[in-house]
Amino acid sequence: MPAWSEISAQISRSTGIPFAVETISSVGGGCINQTHRIEGNGQRFFVKLNNAESLAMFDAEAAGLQEIHNTRALRVPMPICRGRNTSEAWLVLEYLEMGRATRGSAAALGAGLAAMHHFTSGKFGWTRDNTIGATPQINQSCADWIEFWRRHRLGYQLRLAGVNGYTGRLQAQGEQLLEKLHFFFPGPQPVASLLHGDLWSGNHDFDDAARPVLFDPAVYYGDRETDIAMTELFGGFSEAFYAAYREAYPLDAGYETRKTLYNLYHILNHLNLFGDGYLHQAQQAISRLLAEVN
C-alpha cells in the first residue's frame, strides 16, 4: 500500500498547512508511474508513485518543472515535495484543474514555447541527468552541439539498441550517420535554449482558464528545433500553434531535414523501450538522412 500517512505528513511540512488524505482517485495517462489525485482539508494534490529507486528520477523532474517555471513563459504544476521509504518513492505536485482550449489557446502555447526557448545557456546539456521516458538521458555539459548530439543523444541510443540486440544494418548505418552529422549544420552553431525535451501532445494541456500547461519534462539546453520536431512526430498540435511560434521565433533554414535527425532520437528510444515495432521506422529515418549527405 502507498505510504499515504508519510506523504500527508511531508505535504504538511512542505506547505505549512495541515493535510491528511481523505480521498484517493487513480488518474490515468502514464505508463511509467502510478498517478493519483489526493484530497483532504479542502486541498488537492497530484501524486506520482514508483519504486524506491525512482527518487532520483523524481528529483530531476521536479528540478525540470522549476526550471521551466522560472522562465514565467508557460505554466507547469509546481513541485510540492518528494520522498521515499523502503518500498516506494513519490513526487507530489500542485493539482491543476484542466479545462477546454479556446480559440487562442494553441497560439498561446506556441508563443509561450517561443518565449521559453529564448532562455539560454552558454553550454548544451544541463546541471543533472534525467530520463526520457524510462531511459536515462545524459546531460553532461558540452560546448559543441554536434558533439553533444553525437555522444549523448543518437550515439547513446544506438549503443543501447546494440545492447538490446539491434545490430547489423541499424548499427552500420547509424555509425555512418554519426560521422556525417556536421553536414546537417552548415550555418552557425544553434543557441542552447531551454527545452521541454519530451514535447508530444500527451505532455501538454490547457487549464480551467484555457491557459497552456506543460508537464512531464525531460529538460536540458539544446537546439530549440528538437522541441518543435517532436511536436510533429506524433501529431496533435494545430497550425495555430506553429504559426504563433514562427511569428515569435522563426525557424532556421534546414529545419525540414533536421527534424528527422532530431526525431530519430525519440524513435530509437521507443525502439529501446517498446521493441521491434519501431525498428523499420528507425532504419527508414537513418536511410533518409544518409541520402541527404551521400
C-alpha atoms as a PDB file:
ATOM      1  CA  MET A   1       0.000   0.000   0.000  1.00  0.00           C
ATOM      2  CA  PRO A   2       1.230   3.538  -0.732  1.00  0.00           C
ATOM      3  CA  ALA A   3       2.592   5.379   2.288  1.00  0.00           C
ATOM      4  CA  TRP A   4      -0.200   7.937   2.380  1.00  0.00           C
ATOM      5  CA  SER A   5       0.417   8.870   6.004  1.00  0.00           C
ATOM      6  CA  GLU A   6       4.079   9.628   5.240  1.00  0.00           C
ATOM      7  CA  ILE A   7       3.110  11.585   2.137  1.00  0.00           C
ATOM      8  CA  SER A   8       0.474  13.539   4.070  1.00  0.00           C
ATOM      9  CA  ALA A   9       2.963  14.454   6.779  1.00  0.00           C
ATOM     10  CA  GLN A  10       5.515  15.614   4.217  1.00  0.00           C
ATOM     11  CA  ILE A  11       2.912  17.743   2.416  1.00  0.00           C
ATOM     12  CA  SER A  12       2.008  19.349   5.733  1.00  0.00           C
ATOM     13  CA  ARG A  13       5.652  20.170   6.453  1.00  0.00           C
ATOM     14  CA  SER A  14       6.288  21.500   2.945  1.00  0.00           C
ATOM     15  CA  THR A  15       3.220  23.728   2.730  1.00  0.00           C
ATOM     16  CA  GLY A  16       2.934  24.701   6.379  1.00  0.00           C
ATOM     17  CA  ILE A  17      -0.762  23.766   6.217  1.00  0.00           C
ATOM     18  CA  PRO A  18      -2.071  20.598   7.922  1.00  0.00           C
ATOM     19  CA  PHE A  19      -3.057  17.935   5.410  1.00  0.00           C
ATOM     20  CA  ALA A  20      -4.461  14.438   5.734  1.00  0.00           C
ATOM     21  CA  VAL A  21      -5.624  12.258   2.846  1.00  0.00           C
ATOM     22  CA  GLU A  22      -9.394  11.796   2.774  1.00  0.00           C
ATOM     23  CA  THR A  23      -9.989  10.591  -0.789  1.00  0.00           C
ATOM     24  CA  ILE A  24      -7.699   8.982  -3.381  1.00  0.00           C
ATOM     25  CA  SER A  25      -8.529   8.804  -7.084  1.00  0.00           C
ATOM     26  CA  SER A  26      -6.440   6.961  -9.627  1.00  0.00           C
ATOM     27  CA  VAL A  27      -5.528   9.120 -12.630  1.00  0.00           C
ATOM     28  CA  GLY A  28      -4.686   7.510 -15.959  1.00  0.00           C
ATOM     29  CA  GLY A  29      -2.291   8.651 -18.645  1.00  0.00           C
ATOM     30  CA  GLY A  30       1.178   7.464 -17.682  1.00  0.00           C
ATOM     31  CA  CYS A  31       2.910   4.174 -18.414  1.00  0.00           C
ATOM     32  CA  ILE A  32       5.873   4.654 -16.058  1.00  0.00           C
ATOM     33  CA  ASN A  33       4.373   5.773 -12.749  1.00  0.00           C
ATOM     34  CA  GLN A  34       1.194   5.213 -10.780  1.00  0.00           C
ATOM     35  CA  THR A  35      -0.648   8.522 -10.625  1.00  0.00           C
ATOM     36  CA  HIS A  36      -3.286   9.704  -8.170  1.00  0.00           C
ATOM     37  CA  ARG A  37      -5.275  12.748  -7.146  1.00  0.00           C
ATOM     38  CA  ILE A  38      -5.494  13.056  -3.384  1.00  0.00           C
ATOM     39  CA  GLU A  39      -7.821  15.351  -1.459  1.00  0.00           C
ATOM     40  CA  GLY A  40      -8.213  16.436   2.126  1.00  0.00           C
ATOM     41  CA  ASN A  41      -8.784  19.541   4.246  1.00  0.00           C
ATOM     42  CA  GLY A  42     -10.044  21.353   1.158  1.00  0.00           C
ATOM     43  CA  GLN A  43      -6.759  20.751  -0.672  1.00  0.00           C
ATOM     44  CA  ARG A  44      -5.878  18.701  -3.749  1.00  0.00           C
ATOM     45  CA  PHE A  45      -2.549  17.325  -4.944  1.00  0.00           C
ATOM     46  CA  PHE A  46      -1.285  15.191  -7.824  1.00  0.00           C
ATOM     47  CA  VAL A  47       0.942  12.297  -6.735  1.00  0.00           C
ATOM     48  CA  LYS A  48       3.283  10.078  -8.739  1.00  0.00           C
ATOM     49  CA  LEU A  49       4.411   6.779  -7.233  1.00  0.00           C
ATOM     50  CA  ASN A  50       7.140   4.370  -8.291  1.00  0.00           C
ATOM     51  CA  ASN A  51       9.689   2.059  -6.681  1.00  0.00           C
ATOM     52  CA  ALA A  52      12.119   3.437  -4.106  1.00  0.00           C
ATOM     53  CA  GLU A  53      14.951   3.612  -6.643  1.00  0.00           C
ATOM     54  CA  SER A  54      12.957   6.192  -8.647  1.00  0.00           C
ATOM     55  CA  LEU A  55      13.583   9.106  -6.293  1.00  0.00           C
ATOM     56  CA  ALA A  56      16.427  10.435  -8.481  1.00  0.00           C
ATOM     57  CA  MET A  57      14.034  10.460 -11.459  1.00  0.00           C
ATOM     58  CA  PHE A  58      11.505  12.437  -9.405  1.00  0.00           C
ATOM     59  CA  ASP A  59      14.228  14.816  -8.197  1.00  0.00           C
ATOM     60  CA  ALA A  60      15.152  15.569 -11.814  1.00  0.00           C
ATOM     61  CA  GLU A  61      11.524  16.009 -12.853  1.00  0.00           C
ATOM     62  CA  ALA A  62      10.909  18.472 -10.030  1.00  0.00           C
ATOM     63  CA  ALA A  63      14.048  20.407 -10.982  1.00  0.00           C
ATOM     64  CA  GLY A  64      12.931  20.498 -14.608  1.00  0.00           C
ATOM     65  CA  LEU A  65       9.489  21.827 -13.711  1.00  0.00           C
ATOM     66  CA  GLN A  66      11.117  24.507 -11.580  1.00  0.00           C
ATOM     67  CA  GLU A  67      13.472  25.435 -14.450  1.00  0.00           C
ATOM     68  CA  ILE A  68      10.520  25.961 -16.783  1.00  0.00           C
ATOM     69  CA  HIS A  69       8.535  27.813 -14.116  1.00  0.00           C
ATOM     70  CA  ASN A  70      11.413  30.225 -13.586  1.00  0.00           C
ATOM     71  CA  THR A  71      11.043  31.478 -17.169  1.00  0.00           C
ATOM     72  CA  ARG A  72       7.443  32.601 -16.487  1.00  0.00           C
ATOM     73  CA  ALA A  73       6.783  31.661 -20.116  1.00  0.00           C
ATOM     74  CA  LEU A  74       4.391  28.735 -19.583  1.00  0.00           C
ATOM     75  CA  ARG A  75       2.554  27.259 -16.639  1.00  0.00           C
ATOM     76  CA  VAL A  76       3.648  23.985 -15.038  1.00  0.00           C
ATOM     77  CA  PRO A  77       2.390  22.077 -11.980  1.00  0.00           C
ATOM     78  CA  MET A  78       4.659  23.209  -9.166  1.00  0.00           C
ATOM     79  CA  PRO A  79       6.545  20.575  -7.161  1.00  0.00           C
ATOM     80  CA  ILE A  80       5.372  20.373  -3.548  1.00  0.00           C
ATOM     81  CA  CYS A  81       7.588  17.633  -2.097  1.00  0.00           C
ATOM     82  CA  ARG A  82       9.126  14.263  -2.845  1.00  0.00           C
ATOM     83  CA  GLY A  83      10.499  11.406  -0.813  1.00  0.00           C
ATOM     84  CA  ARG A  84      10.698   7.684  -0.363  1.00  0.00           C
ATOM     85  CA  ASN A  85      10.557   4.858   2.122  1.00  0.00           C
ATOM     86  CA  THR A  86      11.937   1.335   1.816  1.00  0.00           C
ATOM     87  CA  SER A  87       9.464   0.286  -0.867  1.00  0.00           C
ATOM     88  CA  GLU A  88       8.454   3.304  -2.934  1.00  0.00           C
ATOM     89  CA  ALA A  89       9.229   6.854  -3.981  1.00  0.00           C
ATOM     90  CA  TRP A  90       6.783   9.672  -4.582  1.00  0.00           C
ATOM     91  CA  LEU A  91       6.533  13.088  -6.160  1.00  0.00           C
ATOM     92  CA  VAL A  92       3.765  15.434  -5.044  1.00  0.00           C
ATOM     93  CA  LEU A  93       2.765  18.202  -7.442  1.00  0.00           C
ATOM     94  CA  GLU A  94       0.300  21.059  -7.459  1.00  0.00           C
ATOM     95  CA  TYR A  95      -3.034  19.786  -8.745  1.00  0.00           C
ATOM     96  CA  LEU A  96      -4.199  21.780 -11.751  1.00  0.00           C
ATOM     97  CA  GLU A  97      -7.772  21.516 -12.944  1.00  0.00           C
ATOM     98  CA  MET A  98      -7.782  21.042 -16.692  1.00  0.00           C
ATOM     99  CA  GLY A  99     -10.356  22.671 -18.947  1.00  0.00           C
ATOM    100  CA  ARG A 100     -11.090  23.141 -22.621  1.00  0.00           C
ATOM    101  CA  ALA A 101      -8.919  25.027 -25.072  1.00  0.00           C
ATOM    102  CA  THR A 102     -10.304  28.203 -26.581  1.00  0.00           C
ATOM    103  CA  ARG A 103      -9.582  29.626 -29.993  1.00  0.00           C
ATOM    104  CA  GLY A 104      -6.450  31.360 -28.754  1.00  0.00           C
ATOM    105  CA  SER A 105      -5.086  28.581 -26.523  1.00  0.00           C
ATOM    106  CA  ALA A 106      -2.946  26.859 -29.161  1.00  0.00           C
ATOM    107  CA  ALA A 107      -1.469  30.184 -30.245  1.00  0.00           C
ATOM    108  CA  ALA A 108      -0.691  30.973 -26.608  1.00  0.00           C
ATOM    109  CA  LEU A 109       1.145  27.654 -26.356  1.00  0.00           C
ATOM    110  CA  GLY A 110       3.208  28.453 -29.461  1.00  0.00           C
ATOM    111  CA  ALA A 111       4.076  31.958 -28.282  1.00  0.00           C
ATOM    112  CA  GLY A 112       4.840  30.700 -24.782  1.00  0.00           C
ATOM    113  CA  LEU A 113       7.159  27.990 -26.073  1.00  0.00           C
ATOM    114  CA  ALA A 114       8.991  30.564 -28.204  1.00  0.00           C
ATOM    115  CA  ALA A 115       9.420  32.744 -25.112  1.00  0.00           C
ATOM    116  CA  MET A 116      10.737  29.757 -23.139  1.00  0.00           C
ATOM    117  CA  HIS A 117      13.229  28.987 -25.915  1.00  0.00           C
ATOM    118  CA  HIS A 118      14.673  32.488 -25.527  1.00  0.00           C
ATOM    119  CA  PHE A 119      16.044  31.423 -22.137  1.00  0.00           C
ATOM    120  CA  THR A 120      19.517  30.180 -22.967  1.00  0.00           C
ATOM    121  CA  SER A 121      22.725  28.761 -21.550  1.00  0.00           C
ATOM    122  CA  GLY A 122      26.349  29.077 -22.563  1.00  0.00           C
ATOM    123  CA  LYS A 123      26.618  25.289 -22.983  1.00  0.00           C
ATOM    124  CA  PHE A 124      24.499  22.385 -24.119  1.00  0.00           C
ATOM    125  CA  GLY A 125      23.172  19.898 -21.596  1.00  0.00           C
ATOM    126  CA  TRP A 126      22.061  20.611 -18.046  1.00  0.00           C
ATOM    127  CA  THR A 127      23.212  20.556 -14.453  1.00  0.00           C
ATOM    128  CA  ARG A 128      21.975  16.992 -13.963  1.00  0.00           C
ATOM    129  CA  ASP A 129      20.973  13.895 -15.896  1.00  0.00           C
ATOM    130  CA  ASN A 130      17.311  12.937 -16.119  1.00  0.00           C
ATOM    131  CA  THR A 131      15.178  10.488 -18.087  1.00  0.00           C
ATOM    132  CA  ILE A 132      13.415  10.345 -21.437  1.00  0.00           C
ATOM    133  CA  GLY A 133      10.537   8.037 -20.682  1.00  0.00           C
ATOM    134  CA  ALA A 134      12.186   5.367 -18.544  1.00  0.00           C
ATOM    135  CA  THR A 135      15.550   5.678 -20.334  1.00  0.00           C
ATOM    136  CA  PRO A 136      18.441   7.585 -18.732  1.00  0.00           C
ATOM    137  CA  GLN A 137      19.115  10.878 -20.528  1.00  0.00           C
ATOM    138  CA  ILE A 138      22.694  12.088 -20.231  1.00  0.00           C
ATOM    139  CA  ASN A 139      23.035  15.865 -19.976  1.00  0.00           C
ATOM    140  CA  GLN A 140      26.776  16.234 -19.492  1.00  0.00           C
ATOM    141  CA  SER A 141      27.734  19.798 -20.340  1.00  0.00           C
ATOM    142  CA  CYS A 142      29.266  20.318 -23.787  1.00  0.00           C
ATOM    143  CA  ALA A 143      30.293  23.442 -25.702  1.00  0.00           C
ATOM    144  CA  ASP A 144      29.663  21.860 -29.122  1.00  0.00           C
ATOM    145  CA  TRP A 145      26.122  20.961 -30.177  1.00  0.00           C
ATOM    146  CA  ILE A 146      27.095  18.394 -32.822  1.00  0.00           C
ATOM    147  CA  GLU A 147      29.326  16.574 -30.348  1.00  0.00           C
ATOM    148  CA  PHE A 148      26.591  16.681 -27.720  1.00  0.00           C
ATOM    149  CA  TRP A 149      24.034  15.213 -30.128  1.00  0.00           C
ATOM    150  CA  ARG A 150      26.512  12.602 -31.343  1.00  0.00           C
ATOM    151  CA  ARG A 151      27.607  11.397 -27.902  1.00  0.00           C
ATOM    152  CA  HIS A 152      24.667  11.926 -25.569  1.00  0.00           C
ATOM    153  CA  ARG A 153      21.666  11.563 -27.853  1.00  0.00           C
ATOM    154  CA  LEU A 154      21.984   9.473 -31.036  1.00  0.00           C
ATOM    155  CA  GLY A 155      25.171   7.673 -30.004  1.00  0.00           C
ATOM    156  CA  TYR A 156      23.766   6.775 -26.603  1.00  0.00           C
ATOM    157  CA  GLN A 157      20.546   5.370 -28.055  1.00  0.00           C
ATOM    158  CA  LEU A 158      22.394   3.432 -30.749  1.00  0.00           C
ATOM    159  CA  ARG A 159      24.682   1.842 -28.161  1.00  0.00           C
ATOM    160  CA  LEU A 160      21.667   0.924 -26.071  1.00  0.00           C
ATOM    161  CA  ALA A 161      19.997  -0.571 -29.140  1.00  0.00           C
ATOM    162  CA  GLY A 162      23.086  -2.721 -29.695  1.00  0.00           C
ATOM    163  CA  VAL A 163      22.886  -3.964 -26.104  1.00  0.00           C
ATOM    164  CA  ASN A 164      19.222  -4.773 -26.737  1.00  0.00           C
ATOM    165  CA  GLY A 165      20.153  -6.917 -29.733  1.00  0.00           C
ATOM    166  CA  TYR A 166      19.565  -4.462 -32.579  1.00  0.00           C
ATOM    167  CA  THR A 167      22.767  -4.865 -34.542  1.00  0.00           C
ATOM    168  CA  GLY A 168      23.538  -5.251 -38.256  1.00  0.00           C
ATOM    169  CA  ARG A 169      22.129  -2.621 -40.577  1.00  0.00           C
ATOM    170  CA  LEU A 170      20.899  -0.314 -37.817  1.00  0.00           C
ATOM    171  CA  GLN A 171      24.339  -0.065 -36.235  1.00  0.00           C
ATOM    172  CA  ALA A 172      26.267   0.132 -39.517  1.00  0.00           C
ATOM    173  CA  GLN A 173      24.140   2.917 -40.956  1.00  0.00           C
ATOM    174  CA  GLY A 174      23.866   4.586 -37.568  1.00  0.00           C
ATOM    175  CA  GLU A 175      27.650   4.840 -37.337  1.00  0.00           C
ATOM    176  CA  GLN A 176      27.774   6.363 -40.827  1.00  0.00           C
ATOM    177  CA  LEU A 177      25.229   8.952 -39.761  1.00  0.00           C
ATOM    178  CA  LEU A 178      27.165   9.844 -36.608  1.00  0.00           C
ATOM    179  CA  GLU A 179      30.234  10.559 -38.753  1.00  0.00           C
ATOM    180  CA  LYS A 180      28.261  12.883 -41.050  1.00  0.00           C
ATOM    181  CA  LEU A 181      26.322  14.972 -38.550  1.00  0.00           C
ATOM    182  CA  HIS A 182      28.227  18.136 -39.434  1.00  0.00           C
ATOM    183  CA  PHE A 183      26.622  18.151 -42.905  1.00  0.00           C
ATOM    184  CA  PHE A 184      23.262  18.982 -41.325  1.00  0.00           C
ATOM    185  CA  PHE A 185      24.612  22.168 -39.711  1.00  0.00           C
ATOM    186  CA  PRO A 186      26.114  24.392 -42.426  1.00  0.00           C
ATOM    187  CA  GLY A 187      25.431  27.618 -40.543  1.00  0.00           C
ATOM    188  CA  PRO A 188      26.323  28.936 -37.098  1.00  0.00           C
ATOM    189  CA  GLN A 189      26.004  26.659 -34.100  1.00  0.00           C
ATOM    190  CA  PRO A 190      22.476  26.633 -32.639  1.00  0.00           C
ATOM    191  CA  VAL A 191      21.739  28.565 -29.473  1.00  0.00           C
ATOM    192  CA  ALA A 192      21.443  26.453 -26.310  1.00  0.00           C
ATOM    193  CA  SER A 193      17.770  27.061 -25.497  1.00  0.00           C
ATOM    194  CA  LEU A 194      15.812  25.720 -22.551  1.00  0.00           C
ATOM    195  CA  LEU A 195      13.906  22.689 -23.856  1.00  0.00           C
ATOM    196  CA  HIS A 196      10.962  20.729 -22.559  1.00  0.00           C
ATOM    197  CA  GLY A 197      12.712  17.737 -24.100  1.00  0.00           C
ATOM    198  CA  ASP A 198       9.708  15.401 -24.479  1.00  0.00           C
ATOM    199  CA  LEU A 199       7.124  17.631 -26.118  1.00  0.00           C
ATOM    200  CA  TRP A 200       4.470  15.325 -27.544  1.00  0.00           C
ATOM    201  CA  SER A 201       0.746  16.024 -27.316  1.00  0.00           C
ATOM    202  CA  GLY A 202       0.345  13.979 -24.118  1.00  0.00           C
ATOM    203  CA  ASN A 203       2.685  16.287 -22.205  1.00  0.00           C
ATOM    204  CA  HIS A 204       0.704  19.476 -22.517  1.00  0.00           C
ATOM    205  CA  ASP A 205      -2.853  20.539 -21.776  1.00  0.00           C
ATOM    206  CA  PHE A 206      -4.929  23.618 -21.009  1.00  0.00           C
ATOM    207  CA  ASP A 207      -6.102  24.605 -17.544  1.00  0.00           C
ATOM    208  CA  ASP A 208      -9.583  25.711 -16.489  1.00  0.00           C
ATOM    209  CA  ALA A 209      -8.738  29.239 -17.654  1.00  0.00           C
ATOM    210  CA  ALA A 210      -7.682  27.820 -21.073  1.00  0.00           C
ATOM    211  CA  ARG A 211      -4.020  28.614 -20.407  1.00  0.00           C
ATOM    212  CA  PRO A 212      -1.411  26.184 -21.752  1.00  0.00           C
ATOM    213  CA  VAL A 213       0.303  23.890 -19.250  1.00  0.00           C
ATOM    214  CA  LEU A 214       3.438  21.764 -19.700  1.00  0.00           C
ATOM    215  CA  PHE A 215       4.268  18.693 -17.637  1.00  0.00           C
ATOM    216  CA  ASP A 216       6.462  15.541 -17.625  1.00  0.00           C
ATOM    217  CA  PRO A 217       9.566  17.384 -18.908  1.00  0.00           C
ATOM    218  CA  ALA A 218      12.939  15.918 -19.881  1.00  0.00           C
ATOM    219  CA  VAL A 219      14.653  19.294 -19.563  1.00  0.00           C
ATOM    220  CA  TYR A 220      18.030  20.272 -20.982  1.00  0.00           C
ATOM    221  CA  TYR A 221      19.540  23.125 -23.013  1.00  0.00           C
ATOM    222  CA  GLY A 222      19.873  22.449 -26.720  1.00  0.00           C
ATOM    223  CA  ASP A 223      18.692  23.351 -30.205  1.00  0.00           C
ATOM    224  CA  ARG A 224      15.101  24.593 -29.931  1.00  0.00           C
ATOM    225  CA  GLU A 225      14.274  22.771 -33.151  1.00  0.00           C
ATOM    226  CA  THR A 226      14.290  19.499 -31.205  1.00  0.00           C
ATOM    227  CA  ASP A 227      11.161  20.537 -29.299  1.00  0.00           C
ATOM    228  CA  ILE A 228       9.386  21.659 -32.466  1.00  0.00           C
ATOM    229  CA  ALA A 229      10.414  18.479 -34.282  1.00  0.00           C
ATOM    230  CA  MET A 230       8.901  16.265 -31.601  1.00  0.00           C
ATOM    231  CA  THR A 231       5.579  18.075 -31.829  1.00  0.00           C
ATOM    232  CA  GLU A 232       5.450  16.812 -35.411  1.00  0.00           C
ATOM    233  CA  LEU A 233       6.478  13.221 -34.649  1.00  0.00           C
ATOM    234  CA  PHE A 234       3.148  12.016 -33.252  1.00  0.00           C
ATOM    235  CA  GLY A 235       0.922  14.971 -34.204  1.00  0.00           C
ATOM    236  CA  GLY A 236      -1.669  16.680 -32.042  1.00  0.00           C
ATOM    237  CA  PHE A 237      -0.525  20.292 -32.439  1.00  0.00           C
ATOM    238  CA  SER A 238      -2.547  22.744 -34.521  1.00  0.00           C
ATOM    239  CA  GLU A 239      -1.457  25.097 -37.253  1.00  0.00           C
ATOM    240  CA  ALA A 240      -2.274  27.979 -34.894  1.00  0.00           C
ATOM    241  CA  PHE A 241       0.443  26.682 -32.553  1.00  0.00           C
ATOM    242  CA  TYR A 242       3.064  26.595 -35.334  1.00  0.00           C
ATOM    243  CA  ALA A 243       2.047  29.956 -36.768  1.00  0.00           C
ATOM    244  CA  ALA A 244       2.329  31.651 -33.381  1.00  0.00           C
ATOM    245  CA  TYR A 245       5.694  30.030 -32.691  1.00  0.00           C
ATOM    246  CA  ARG A 246       7.159  31.000 -36.065  1.00  0.00           C
ATOM    247  CA  GLU A 247       5.869  34.551 -35.754  1.00  0.00           C
ATOM    248  CA  ALA A 248       7.603  34.904 -32.398  1.00  0.00           C
ATOM    249  CA  TYR A 249      10.764  32.941 -33.248  1.00  0.00           C
ATOM    250  CA  PRO A 250      11.203  31.943 -36.919  1.00  0.00           C
ATOM    251  CA  LEU A 251      12.872  28.597 -37.574  1.00  0.00           C
ATOM    252  CA  ASP A 252      16.226  28.409 -39.327  1.00  0.00           C
ATOM    253  CA  ALA A 253      16.823  27.135 -42.843  1.00  0.00           C
ATOM    254  CA  GLY A 254      17.322  23.377 -42.946  1.00  0.00           C
ATOM    255  CA  TYR A 255      14.808  22.564 -40.220  1.00  0.00           C
ATOM    256  CA  GLU A 256      12.734  20.314 -42.501  1.00  0.00           C
ATOM    257  CA  THR A 257      15.724  17.962 -42.819  1.00  0.00           C
ATOM    258  CA  ARG A 258      16.998  18.299 -39.255  1.00  0.00           C
ATOM    259  CA  LYS A 259      13.623  17.432 -37.758  1.00  0.00           C
ATOM    260  CA  THR A 260      14.144  13.858 -38.977  1.00  0.00           C
ATOM    261  CA  LEU A 261      17.571  13.844 -37.328  1.00  0.00           C
ATOM    262  CA  TYR A 262      16.106  15.086 -34.063  1.00  0.00           C
ATOM    263  CA  ASN A 263      13.113  12.758 -34.079  1.00  0.00           C
ATOM    264  CA  LEU A 264      15.401   9.790 -34.702  1.00  0.00           C
ATOM    265  CA  TYR A 265      16.462  10.136 -31.059  1.00  0.00           C
ATOM    266  CA  HIS A 266      12.893   9.562 -29.904  1.00  0.00           C
ATOM    267  CA  ILE A 267      12.277   6.765 -32.414  1.00  0.00           C
ATOM    268  CA  LEU A 268      15.384   4.942 -31.183  1.00  0.00           C
ATOM    269  CA  ASN A 269      14.254   5.494 -27.611  1.00  0.00           C
ATOM    270  CA  HIS A 270      10.876   3.944 -28.438  1.00  0.00           C
ATOM    271  CA  LEU A 271      12.714   1.040 -30.057  1.00  0.00           C
ATOM    272  CA  ASN A 272      14.705   0.525 -26.872  1.00  0.00           C
ATOM    273  CA  LEU A 273      11.655   0.858 -24.645  1.00  0.00           C
ATOM    274  CA  PHE A 274       8.958  -0.913 -26.653  1.00  0.00           C
ATOM    275  CA  GLY A 275      10.718  -3.176 -29.125  1.00  0.00           C
ATOM    276  CA  ASP A 276      10.625  -4.255 -32.764  1.00  0.00           C
ATOM    277  CA  GLY A 277       7.660  -2.156 -33.843  1.00  0.00           C
ATOM    278  CA  TYR A 278       9.958   0.866 -34.155  1.00  0.00           C
ATOM    279  CA  LEU A 279      12.872  -0.825 -35.948  1.00  0.00           C
ATOM    280  CA  HIS A 280      11.665  -0.194 -39.504  1.00  0.00           C
ATOM    281  CA  GLN A 281      10.851   3.431 -38.695  1.00  0.00           C
ATOM    282  CA  ALA A 282      14.340   3.958 -37.252  1.00  0.00           C
ATOM    283  CA  GLN A 283      16.024   2.344 -40.270  1.00  0.00           C
ATOM    284  CA  GLN A 284      13.927   4.400 -42.673  1.00  0.00           C
ATOM    285  CA  ALA A 285      14.843   7.634 -40.904  1.00  0.00           C
ATOM    286  CA  ILE A 286      18.562   6.824 -40.969  1.00  0.00           C
ATOM    287  CA  SER A 287      18.423   5.881 -44.659  1.00  0.00           C
ATOM    288  CA  ARG A 288      16.591   9.108 -45.492  1.00  0.00           C
ATOM    289  CA  LEU A 289      19.167  11.184 -43.610  1.00  0.00           C
ATOM    290  CA  LEU A 290      22.118   9.414 -45.228  1.00  0.00           C
ATOM    291  CA  ALA A 291      20.570  10.058 -48.640  1.00  0.00           C
ATOM    292  CA  GLU A 292      20.743  13.784 -47.875  1.00  0.00           C
ATOM    293  CA  VAL A 293      24.512  13.743 -47.379  1.00  0.00           C
ATOM    294  CA  ASN A 294      25.810  10.915 -49.620  1.00  0.00           C
END
